[in-house]
PDB file of N, CA and C in Angstrom:
ATOM      1  N   UNK A   1     106.467  66.007 128.724  1.00  0.00           N
ATOM      2  CA  UNK A   1     105.671  65.545 127.599  1.00  0.00           C
ATOM      3  C   UNK A   1     106.484  64.494 126.833  1.00  0.00           C
ATOM      4  N   UNK A   2     105.923  63.317 126.571  1.00  0.00           N
ATOM      5  CA  UNK A   2     106.664  62.249 125.900  1.00  0.00           C
ATOM      6  C   UNK A   2     106.730  62.427 124.387  1.00  0.00           C
ATOM      7  N   UNK A   3     107.696  61.753 123.776  1.00  0.00           N
ATOM      8  CA  UNK A   3     107.835  61.699 122.320  1.00  0.00           C
ATOM      9  C   UNK A   3     107.630  60.250 121.894  1.00  0.00           C
ATOM     10  N   UNK A   4     107.340  60.018 120.625  1.00  0.00           N
ATOM     11  CA  UNK A   4     107.110  58.667 120.120  1.00  0.00           C
ATOM     12  C   UNK A   4     108.276  58.200 119.260  1.00  0.00           C
ATOM     13  N   UNK A   5     108.626  56.918 119.409  1.00  0.00           N
ATOM     14  CA  UNK A   5     109.668  56.291 118.618  1.00  0.00           C
ATOM     15  C   UNK A   5     109.221  54.885 118.288  1.00  0.00           C
ATOM     16  N   UNK A   6     108.916  54.610 117.029  1.00  0.00           N
ATOM     17  CA  UNK A   6     108.486  53.282 116.576  1.00  0.00           C
ATOM     18  C   UNK A   6     107.370  52.717 117.457  1.00  0.00           C
ATOM     19  N   UNK A   7     106.368  53.537 117.752  1.00  0.00           N
ATOM     20  CA  UNK A   7     105.237  53.081 118.546  1.00  0.00           C
ATOM     21  C   UNK A   7     105.486  53.069 120.036  1.00  0.00           C
ATOM     22  N   UNK A   8     106.695  53.354 120.483  1.00  0.00           N
ATOM     23  CA  UNK A   8     107.009  53.418 121.901  1.00  0.00           C
ATOM     24  C   UNK A   8     107.092  54.883 122.329  1.00  0.00           C
ATOM     25  N   UNK A   9     106.766  55.116 123.589  1.00  0.00           N
ATOM     26  CA  UNK A   9     106.831  56.465 124.134  1.00  0.00           C
ATOM     27  C   UNK A   9     108.179  56.685 124.800  1.00  0.00           C
ATOM     28  N   UNK A  10     108.791  57.833 124.525  1.00  0.00           N
ATOM     29  CA  UNK A  10     110.029  58.220 125.192  1.00  0.00           C
ATOM     30  C   UNK A  10     109.676  59.359 126.139  1.00  0.00           C
ATOM     31  N   UNK A  11     109.887  59.154 127.427  1.00  0.00           N
ATOM     32  CA  UNK A  11     109.624  60.178 128.435  1.00  0.00           C
ATOM     33  C   UNK A  11     110.955  60.550 129.074  1.00  0.00           C
ATOM     34  N   UNK A  12     111.482  61.736 128.759  1.00  0.00           N
ATOM     35  CA  UNK A  12     112.774  62.124 129.317  1.00  0.00           C
ATOM     36  C   UNK A  12     112.670  62.363 130.827  1.00  0.00           C
ATOM     37  N   UNK A  13     113.737  62.047 131.534  1.00  0.00           N
ATOM     38  CA  UNK A  13     113.798  62.232 132.984  1.00  0.00           C
ATOM     39  C   UNK A  13     114.606  63.478 133.314  1.00  0.00           C
ATOM     40  N   UNK A  14     114.410  63.978 134.524  1.00  0.00           N
ATOM     41  CA  UNK A  14     115.144  65.127 135.050  1.00  0.00           C
ATOM     42  C   UNK A  14     115.235  66.262 134.030  1.00  0.00           C
ATOM     43  N   UNK A  15     116.438  66.730 133.735  1.00  0.00           N
ATOM     44  CA  UNK A  15     116.614  67.865 132.815  1.00  0.00           C
ATOM     45  C   UNK A  15     117.023  67.399 131.416  1.00  0.00           C
ATOM     46  N   UNK A  16     116.528  66.235 131.013  1.00  0.00           N
ATOM     47  CA  UNK A  16     116.837  65.695 129.687  1.00  0.00           C
ATOM     48  C   UNK A  16     115.811  66.185 128.659  1.00  0.00           C
ATOM     49  N   UNK A  17     116.228  66.225 127.395  1.00  0.00           N
ATOM     50  CA  UNK A  17     115.374  66.628 126.275  1.00  0.00           C
ATOM     51  C   UNK A  17     115.445  65.556 125.197  1.00  0.00           C
ATOM     52  N   UNK A  18     114.353  65.353 124.484  1.00  0.00           N
ATOM     53  CA  UNK A  18     114.373  64.532 123.269  1.00  0.00           C
ATOM     54  C   UNK A  18     114.330  65.512 122.106  1.00  0.00           C
ATOM     55  N   UNK A  19     115.321  65.423 121.219  1.00  0.00           N
ATOM     56  CA  UNK A  19     115.476  66.391 120.127  1.00  0.00           C
ATOM     57  C   UNK A  19     115.529  65.665 118.789  1.00  0.00           C
ATOM     58  N   UNK A  20     114.764  66.166 117.827  1.00  0.00           N
ATOM     59  CA  UNK A  20     114.835  65.702 116.444  1.00  0.00           C
ATOM     60  C   UNK A  20     115.785  66.643 115.725  1.00  0.00           C
ATOM     61  N   UNK A  21     116.996  66.139 115.402  1.00  0.00           N
ATOM     62  CA  UNK A  21     117.980  66.986 114.734  1.00  0.00           C
ATOM     63  C   UNK A  21     117.520  67.324 113.321  1.00  0.00           C
ATOM     64  N   UNK A  22     117.929  68.506 112.869  1.00  0.00           N
ATOM     65  CA  UNK A  22     117.657  68.894 111.489  1.00  0.00           C
ATOM     66  C   UNK A  22     118.372  67.917 110.559  1.00  0.00           C
ATOM     67  N   UNK A  23     117.867  67.731 109.338  1.00  0.00           N
ATOM     68  CA  UNK A  23     118.520  66.793 108.415  1.00  0.00           C
ATOM     69  C   UNK A  23     119.925  67.255 108.025  1.00  0.00           C
ATOM     70  N   UNK A  24     120.724  66.278 107.604  1.00  0.00           N
ATOM     71  CA  UNK A  24     122.072  66.581 107.125  1.00  0.00           C
ATOM     72  C   UNK A  24     121.992  67.501 105.917  1.00  0.00           C
ATOM     73  N   UNK A  25     122.963  68.414 105.824  1.00  0.00           N
ATOM     74  CA  UNK A  25     123.034  69.305 104.667  1.00  0.00           C
ATOM     75  C   UNK A  25     123.690  68.544 103.527  1.00  0.00           C
ATOM     76  N   UNK A  26     122.982  68.437 102.395  1.00  0.00           N
ATOM     77  CA  UNK A  26     123.518  67.705 101.254  1.00  0.00           C
ATOM     78  C   UNK A  26     124.068  68.631 100.177  1.00  0.00           C
ATOM     79  N   UNK A  27     123.822  69.941 100.352  1.00  0.00           N
ATOM     80  CA  UNK A  27     124.334  70.928  99.398  1.00  0.00           C
ATOM     81  C   UNK A  27     124.908  72.114 100.148  1.00  0.00           C
ATOM     82  N   UNK A  28     125.860  72.776  99.524  1.00  0.00           N
ATOM     83  CA  UNK A  28     126.415  74.004 100.085  1.00  0.00           C
ATOM     84  C   UNK A  28     125.432  75.134  99.816  1.00  0.00           C
ATOM     85  N   UNK A  29     125.588  76.274 100.502  1.00  0.00           N
ATOM     86  CA  UNK A  29     124.710  77.412 100.197  1.00  0.00           C
ATOM     87  C   UNK A  29     124.779  77.837  98.735  1.00  0.00           C
ATOM     88  N   UNK A  30     125.904  77.568  98.066  1.00  0.00           N
ATOM     89  CA  UNK A  30     126.055  77.901  96.647  1.00  0.00           C
ATOM     90  C   UNK A  30     125.449  76.874  95.713  1.00  0.00           C
ATOM     91  N   UNK A  31     124.956  75.746  96.249  1.00  0.00           N
ATOM     92  CA  UNK A  31     124.285  74.747  95.436  1.00  0.00           C
ATOM     93  C   UNK A  31     125.117  73.539  95.053  1.00  0.00           C
ATOM     94  N   UNK A  32     126.372  73.460  95.520  1.00  0.00           N
ATOM     95  CA  UNK A  32     127.200  72.306  95.194  1.00  0.00           C
ATOM     96  C   UNK A  32     126.802  71.111  96.056  1.00  0.00           C
ATOM     97  N   UNK A  33     126.716  69.944  95.445  1.00  0.00           N
ATOM     98  CA  UNK A  33     126.366  68.724  96.175  1.00  0.00           C
ATOM     99  C   UNK A  33     127.552  68.265  97.015  1.00  0.00           C
ATOM    100  N   UNK A  34     127.264  67.877  98.262  1.00  0.00           N
ATOM    101  CA  UNK A  34     128.317  67.385  99.155  1.00  0.00           C
ATOM    102  C   UNK A  34     128.315  65.863  99.163  1.00  0.00           C
ATOM    103  N   UNK A  35     129.488  65.223  99.034  1.00  0.00           N
ATOM    104  CA  UNK A  35     129.538  63.762  99.174  1.00  0.00           C
ATOM    105  C   UNK A  35     129.256  63.386 100.634  1.00  0.00           C
ATOM    106  N   UNK A  36     128.890  62.133 100.871  1.00  0.00           N
ATOM    107  CA  UNK A  36     128.527  61.675 102.208  1.00  0.00           C
ATOM    108  C   UNK A  36     129.596  61.998 103.254  1.00  0.00           C
ATOM    109  N   UNK A  37     130.860  61.824 102.907  1.00  0.00           N
ATOM    110  CA  UNK A  37     131.928  62.046 103.880  1.00  0.00           C
ATOM    111  C   UNK A  37     132.106  63.519 104.230  1.00  0.00           C
ATOM    112  N   UNK A  38     131.617  64.429 103.402  1.00  0.00           N
ATOM    113  CA  UNK A  38     131.782  65.860 103.655  1.00  0.00           C
ATOM    114  C   UNK A  38     130.566  66.488 104.338  1.00  0.00           C
ATOM    115  N   UNK A  39     129.491  65.734 104.489  1.00  0.00           N
ATOM    116  CA  UNK A  39     128.291  66.292 105.106  1.00  0.00           C
ATOM    117  C   UNK A  39     128.534  66.527 106.587  1.00  0.00           C
ATOM    118  N   UNK A  40     128.141  67.691 107.054  1.00  0.00           N
ATOM    119  CA  UNK A  40     128.342  68.059 108.444  1.00  0.00           C
ATOM    120  C   UNK A  40     127.206  67.541 109.311  1.00  0.00           C
ATOM    121  N   UNK A  41     127.553  67.110 110.526  1.00  0.00           N
ATOM    122  CA  UNK A  41     126.520  66.675 111.471  1.00  0.00           C
ATOM    123  C   UNK A  41     125.636  67.871 111.806  1.00  0.00           C
ATOM    124  N   UNK A  42     124.331  67.668 111.834  1.00  0.00           N
ATOM    125  CA  UNK A  42     123.456  68.785 112.187  1.00  0.00           C
ATOM    126  C   UNK A  42     123.687  69.218 113.633  1.00  0.00           C
ATOM    127  N   UNK A  43     123.668  70.513 113.870  1.00  0.00           N
ATOM    128  CA  UNK A  43     123.857  71.050 115.209  1.00  0.00           C
ATOM    129  C   UNK A  43     122.651  71.866 115.651  1.00  0.00           C
ATOM    130  N   UNK A  44     121.531  71.645 114.977  1.00  0.00           N
ATOM    131  CA  UNK A  44     120.284  72.305 115.334  1.00  0.00           C
ATOM    132  C   UNK A  44     119.179  71.266 115.294  1.00  0.00           C
ATOM    133  N   UNK A  45     118.099  71.547 116.006  1.00  0.00           N
ATOM    134  CA  UNK A  45     116.986  70.616 115.998  1.00  0.00           C
ATOM    135  C   UNK A  45     115.783  71.157 116.732  1.00  0.00           C
ATOM    136  N   UNK A  46     114.709  70.385 116.694  1.00  0.00           N
ATOM    137  CA  UNK A  46     113.436  70.751 117.306  1.00  0.00           C
ATOM    138  C   UNK A  46     113.223  69.874 118.542  1.00  0.00           C
ATOM    139  N   UNK A  47     112.851  70.493 119.662  1.00  0.00           N
ATOM    140  CA  UNK A  47     112.607  69.771 120.913  1.00  0.00           C
ATOM    141  C   UNK A  47     111.267  69.052 120.817  1.00  0.00           C
ATOM    142  N   UNK A  48     111.287  67.722 121.004  1.00  0.00           N
ATOM    143  CA  UNK A  48     110.067  66.910 120.944  1.00  0.00           C
ATOM    144  C   UNK A  48     109.486  66.619 122.320  1.00  0.00           C
ATOM    145  N   UNK A  49     110.340  66.517 123.333  1.00  0.00           N
ATOM    146  CA  UNK A  49     109.880  66.205 124.689  1.00  0.00           C
ATOM    147  C   UNK A  49     110.866  66.784 125.695  1.00  0.00           C
ATOM    148  N   UNK A  50     110.339  67.139 126.876  1.00  0.00           N
ATOM    149  CA  UNK A  50     111.138  67.778 127.918  1.00  0.00           C
ATOM    150  C   UNK A  50     110.857  67.096 129.248  1.00  0.00           C
ATOM    151  N   UNK A  51     111.923  66.833 130.009  1.00  0.00           N
ATOM    152  CA  UNK A  51     111.770  66.282 131.352  1.00  0.00           C
ATOM    153  C   UNK A  51     111.266  67.352 132.312  1.00  0.00           C
ATOM    154  N   UNK A  52     110.910  66.953 133.535  1.00  0.00           N
ATOM    155  CA  UNK A  52     110.342  67.906 134.492  1.00  0.00           C
ATOM    156  C   UNK A  52     111.339  68.920 135.032  1.00  0.00           C
ATOM    157  N   UNK A  53     112.627  68.624 135.008  1.00  0.00           N
ATOM    158  CA  UNK A  53     113.641  69.533 135.531  1.00  0.00           C
ATOM    159  C   UNK A  53     114.537  68.807 136.503  1.00  0.00           C
ATOM    160  N   UNK A  54     115.482  69.549 137.086  1.00  0.00           N
ATOM    161  CA  UNK A  54     116.403  68.924 138.037  1.00  0.00           C
ATOM    162  C   UNK A  54     116.089  69.425 139.449  1.00  0.00           C
ATOM    163  N   UNK A  55     116.492  68.643 140.425  1.00  0.00           N
ATOM    164  CA  UNK A  55     116.249  69.016 141.811  1.00  0.00           C
ATOM    165  C   UNK A  55     117.544  69.568 142.401  1.00  0.00           C
ATOM    166  N   UNK A  56     117.455  70.779 142.939  1.00  0.00           N
ATOM    167  CA  UNK A  56     118.588  71.444 143.579  1.00  0.00           C
ATOM    168  C   UNK A  56     118.139  71.875 144.967  1.00  0.00           C
ATOM    169  N   UNK A  57     118.840  71.416 145.976  1.00  0.00           N
ATOM    170  CA  UNK A  57     118.508  71.733 147.367  1.00  0.00           C
ATOM    171  C   UNK A  57     117.045  71.430 147.687  1.00  0.00           C
ATOM    172  N   UNK A  58     116.554  70.314 147.150  1.00  0.00           N
ATOM    173  CA  UNK A  58     115.188  69.888 147.438  1.00  0.00           C
ATOM    174  C   UNK A  58     114.109  70.610 146.655  1.00  0.00           C
ATOM    175  N   UNK A  59     114.489  71.511 145.745  1.00  0.00           N
ATOM    176  CA  UNK A  59     113.506  72.259 144.950  1.00  0.00           C
ATOM    177  C   UNK A  59     113.646  71.872 143.476  1.00  0.00           C
ATOM    178  N   UNK A  60     112.522  71.751 142.802  1.00  0.00           N
ATOM    179  CA  UNK A  60     112.512  71.420 141.384  1.00  0.00           C
ATOM    180  C   UNK A  60     112.775  72.671 140.561  1.00  0.00           C
ATOM    181  N   UNK A  61     113.825  72.639 139.758  1.00  0.00           N
ATOM    182  CA  UNK A  61     114.168  73.737 138.843  1.00  0.00           C
ATOM    183  C   UNK A  61     113.726  73.297 137.449  1.00  0.00           C
ATOM    184  N   UNK A  62     112.660  73.910 136.899  1.00  0.00           N
ATOM    185  CA  UNK A  62     112.165  73.462 135.591  1.00  0.00           C
ATOM    186  C   UNK A  62     113.150  73.767 134.463  1.00  0.00           C
ATOM    187  N   UNK A  63     112.993  73.039 133.371  1.00  0.00           N
ATOM    188  CA  UNK A  63     113.821  73.202 132.175  1.00  0.00           C
ATOM    189  C   UNK A  63     113.412  74.504 131.472  1.00  0.00           C
ATOM    190  N   UNK A  64     114.407  75.227 130.931  1.00  0.00           N
ATOM    191  CA  UNK A  64     114.142  76.514 130.278  1.00  0.00           C
ATOM    192  C   UNK A  64     113.572  76.398 128.868  1.00  0.00           C
ATOM    193  N   UNK A  65     113.815  75.286 128.173  1.00  0.00           N
ATOM    194  CA  UNK A  65     113.306  75.138 126.817  1.00  0.00           C
ATOM    195  C   UNK A  65     111.944  74.450 126.841  1.00  0.00           C
ATOM    196  N   UNK A  66     111.177  74.647 125.784  1.00  0.00           N
ATOM    197  CA  UNK A  66     109.827  74.089 125.683  1.00  0.00           C
ATOM    198  C   UNK A  66     109.741  73.165 124.468  1.00  0.00           C
ATOM    199  N   UNK A  67     108.753  72.305 124.492  1.00  0.00           N
ATOM    200  CA  UNK A  67     108.477  71.458 123.322  1.00  0.00           C
ATOM    201  C   UNK A  67     108.189  72.374 122.136  1.00  0.00           C
ATOM    202  N   UNK A  68     108.826  72.072 121.007  1.00  0.00           N
ATOM    203  CA  UNK A  68     108.636  72.872 119.804  1.00  0.00           C
ATOM    204  C   UNK A  68     109.729  73.903 119.571  1.00  0.00           C
ATOM    205  N   UNK A  69     110.546  74.197 120.595  1.00  0.00           N
ATOM    206  CA  UNK A  69     111.637  75.160 120.420  1.00  0.00           C
ATOM    207  C   UNK A  69     112.660  74.614 119.427  1.00  0.00           C
ATOM    208  N   UNK A  70     113.211  75.506 118.602  1.00  0.00           N
ATOM    209  CA  UNK A  70     114.294  75.165 117.677  1.00  0.00           C
ATOM    210  C   UNK A  70     115.576  75.582 118.373  1.00  0.00           C
ATOM    211  N   UNK A  71     116.483  74.631 118.610  1.00  0.00           N
ATOM    212  CA  UNK A  71     117.658  74.894 119.433  1.00  0.00           C
ATOM    213  C   UNK A  71     118.949  74.629 118.666  1.00  0.00           C
ATOM    214  N   UNK A  72     120.041  75.186 119.185  1.00  0.00           N
ATOM    215  CA  UNK A  72     121.387  74.906 118.684  1.00  0.00           C
ATOM    216  C   UNK A  72     122.153  74.218 119.804  1.00  0.00           C
ATOM    217  N   UNK A  73     123.027  73.258 119.443  1.00  0.00           N
ATOM    218  CA  UNK A  73     123.769  72.478 120.429  1.00  0.00           C
ATOM    219  C   UNK A  73     125.095  72.039 119.839  1.00  0.00           C
ATOM    220  N   UNK A  74     125.948  71.437 120.669  1.00  0.00           N
ATOM    221  CA  UNK A  74     127.270  71.005 120.237  1.00  0.00           C
ATOM    222  C   UNK A  74     127.236  69.804 119.312  1.00  0.00           C
ATOM    223  N   UNK A  75     128.331  69.590 118.582  1.00  0.00           N
ATOM    224  CA  UNK A  75     128.434  68.491 117.618  1.00  0.00           C
ATOM    225  C   UNK A  75     128.198  67.121 118.233  1.00  0.00           C
ATOM    226  N   UNK A  76     128.668  66.905 119.428  1.00  0.00           N
ATOM    227  CA  UNK A  76     128.599  65.578 120.026  1.00  0.00           C
ATOM    228  C   UNK A  76     127.680  65.547 121.233  1.00  0.00           C
ATOM    229  N   UNK A  77     126.709  66.441 121.279  1.00  0.00           N
ATOM    230  CA  UNK A  77     125.751  66.487 122.388  1.00  0.00           C
ATOM    231  C   UNK A  77     124.766  65.336 122.275  1.00  0.00           C
ATOM    232  N   UNK A  78     124.434  64.754 123.396  1.00  0.00           N
ATOM    233  CA  UNK A  78     123.364  63.773 123.456  1.00  0.00           C
ATOM    234  C   UNK A  78     123.752  62.374 123.036  1.00  0.00           C
ATOM    235  N   UNK A  79     122.764  61.492 123.158  1.00  0.00           N
ATOM    236  CA  UNK A  79     122.902  60.080 122.833  1.00  0.00           C
ATOM    237  C   UNK A  79     121.823  59.723 121.825  1.00  0.00           C
ATOM    238  N   UNK A  80     122.222  59.096 120.722  1.00  0.00           N
ATOM    239  CA  UNK A  80     121.252  58.679 119.707  1.00  0.00           C
ATOM    240  C   UNK A  80     120.396  57.557 120.277  1.00  0.00           C
ATOM    241  N   UNK A  81     119.076  57.635 120.090  1.00  0.00           N
ATOM    242  CA  UNK A  81     118.179  56.632 120.664  1.00  0.00           C
ATOM    243  C   UNK A  81     117.554  55.717 119.621  1.00  0.00           C
ATOM    244  N   UNK A  82     117.790  55.976 118.357  1.00  0.00           N
ATOM    245  CA  UNK A  82     117.236  55.142 117.305  1.00  0.00           C
ATOM    246  C   UNK A  82     118.367  54.726 116.379  1.00  0.00           C
ATOM    247  N   UNK A  83     118.774  53.460 116.420  1.00  0.00           N
ATOM    248  CA  UNK A  83     119.913  53.045 115.591  1.00  0.00           C
ATOM    249  C   UNK A  83     119.672  53.201 114.096  1.00  0.00           C
ATOM    250  N   UNK A  84     118.411  53.179 113.653  1.00  0.00           N
ATOM    251  CA  UNK A  84     118.114  53.319 112.224  1.00  0.00           C
ATOM    252  C   UNK A  84     118.165  54.766 111.764  1.00  0.00           C
ATOM    253  N   UNK A  85     118.009  55.711 112.710  1.00  0.00           N
ATOM    254  CA  UNK A  85     117.930  57.124 112.357  1.00  0.00           C
ATOM    255  C   UNK A  85     118.701  57.913 113.408  1.00  0.00           C
ATOM    256  N   UNK A  86     119.898  58.393 113.072  1.00  0.00           N
ATOM    257  CA  UNK A  86     120.718  59.079 114.066  1.00  0.00           C
ATOM    258  C   UNK A  86     120.321  60.538 114.255  1.00  0.00           C
ATOM    259  N   UNK A  87     119.127  60.919 113.819  1.00  0.00           N
ATOM    260  CA  UNK A  87     118.689  62.292 113.981  1.00  0.00           C
ATOM    261  C   UNK A  87     117.850  62.505 115.241  1.00  0.00           C
ATOM    262  N   UNK A  88     117.554  61.456 116.001  1.00  0.00           N
ATOM    263  CA  UNK A  88     116.791  61.573 117.236  1.00  0.00           C
ATOM    264  C   UNK A  88     117.728  61.324 118.413  1.00  0.00           C
ATOM    265  N   UNK A  89     117.878  62.333 119.282  1.00  0.00           N
ATOM    266  CA  UNK A  89     118.822  62.233 120.398  1.00  0.00           C
ATOM    267  C   UNK A  89     118.166  62.655 121.707  1.00  0.00           C
ATOM    268  N   UNK A  90     118.716  62.115 122.798  1.00  0.00           N
ATOM    269  CA  UNK A  90     118.366  62.568 124.142  1.00  0.00           C
ATOM    270  C   UNK A  90     119.591  63.291 124.672  1.00  0.00           C
ATOM    271  N   UNK A  91     119.394  64.527 125.158  1.00  0.00           N
ATOM    272  CA  UNK A  91     120.521  65.318 125.645  1.00  0.00           C
ATOM    273  C   UNK A  91     120.135  66.069 126.906  1.00  0.00           C
ATOM    274  N   UNK A  92     121.145  66.480 127.642  1.00  0.00           N
ATOM    275  CA  UNK A  92     120.923  67.296 128.835  1.00  0.00           C
ATOM    276  C   UNK A  92     120.640  68.739 128.411  1.00  0.00           C
ATOM    277  N   UNK A  93     119.898  69.423 129.241  1.00  0.00           N
ATOM    278  CA  UNK A  93     119.599  70.821 128.963  1.00  0.00           C
ATOM    279  C   UNK A  93     120.888  71.649 128.872  1.00  0.00           C
ATOM    280  N   UNK A  94     121.905  71.303 129.645  1.00  0.00           N
ATOM    281  CA  UNK A  94     123.149  72.077 129.641  1.00  0.00           C
ATOM    282  C   UNK A  94     123.903  71.979 128.313  1.00  0.00           C
ATOM    283  N   UNK A  95     123.549  71.002 127.455  1.00  0.00           N
ATOM    284  CA  UNK A  95     124.171  70.876 126.131  1.00  0.00           C
ATOM    285  C   UNK A  95     123.580  71.849 125.114  1.00  0.00           C
ATOM    286  N   UNK A  96     122.479  72.501 125.475  1.00  0.00           N
ATOM    287  CA  UNK A  96     121.816  73.455 124.560  1.00  0.00           C
ATOM    288  C   UNK A  96     122.521  74.791 124.662  1.00  0.00           C
ATOM    289  N   UNK A  97     122.936  75.331 123.513  1.00  0.00           N
ATOM    290  CA  UNK A  97     123.601  76.627 123.487  1.00  0.00           C
ATOM    291  C   UNK A  97     122.604  77.763 123.509  1.00  0.00           C
ATOM    292  N   UNK A  98     121.526  77.640 122.687  1.00  0.00           N
ATOM    293  CA  UNK A  98     120.547  78.726 122.606  1.00  0.00           C
ATOM    294  C   UNK A  98     119.267  78.226 121.935  1.00  0.00           C
ATOM    295  N   UNK A  99     118.215  79.025 122.078  1.00  0.00           N
ATOM    296  CA  UNK A  99     116.969  78.802 121.362  1.00  0.00           C
ATOM    297  C   UNK A  99     116.983  79.734 120.158  1.00  0.00           C
ATOM    298  N   UNK A 100     116.716  79.193 118.974  1.00  0.00           N
ATOM    299  CA  UNK A 100     116.724  79.981 117.746  1.00  0.00           C
ATOM    300  C   UNK A 100     115.312  80.515 117.497  1.00  0.00           C
ATOM    301  N   UNK A 101     115.159  81.807 117.540  1.00  0.00           N
ATOM    302  CA  UNK A 101     113.858  82.437 117.311  1.00  0.00           C
ATOM    303  C   UNK A 101     113.599  82.536 115.818  1.00  0.00           C
ATOM    304  N   UNK A 102     112.382  82.257 115.432  1.00  0.00           N
ATOM    305  CA  UNK A 102     112.038  82.287 114.001  1.00  0.00           C
ATOM    306  C   UNK A 102     111.222  83.498 113.665  1.00  0.00           C
TER     307      UNK A 102
END
């Protein structure tokens, strides 16, 4: 299923995912405002699009996550695809640590 970026469609290939990262945290849980340099990169996000899967020994192995899943991933997972907004990334399924159930 493709995702949209500035009127263009992004269709991930193989076992790639398009993920909208959660926004940067601007406050601590206690309510203190964080300066820009102290804000942590988001490590969670919502899956917007999923590739068909990877081929192993001639068989298609589908991706385990679904569009709409809220996932956790590493700090430097994926590649940013929108220079104006670094919250949209394309990453491999293997970079996903877990699906966060709500």
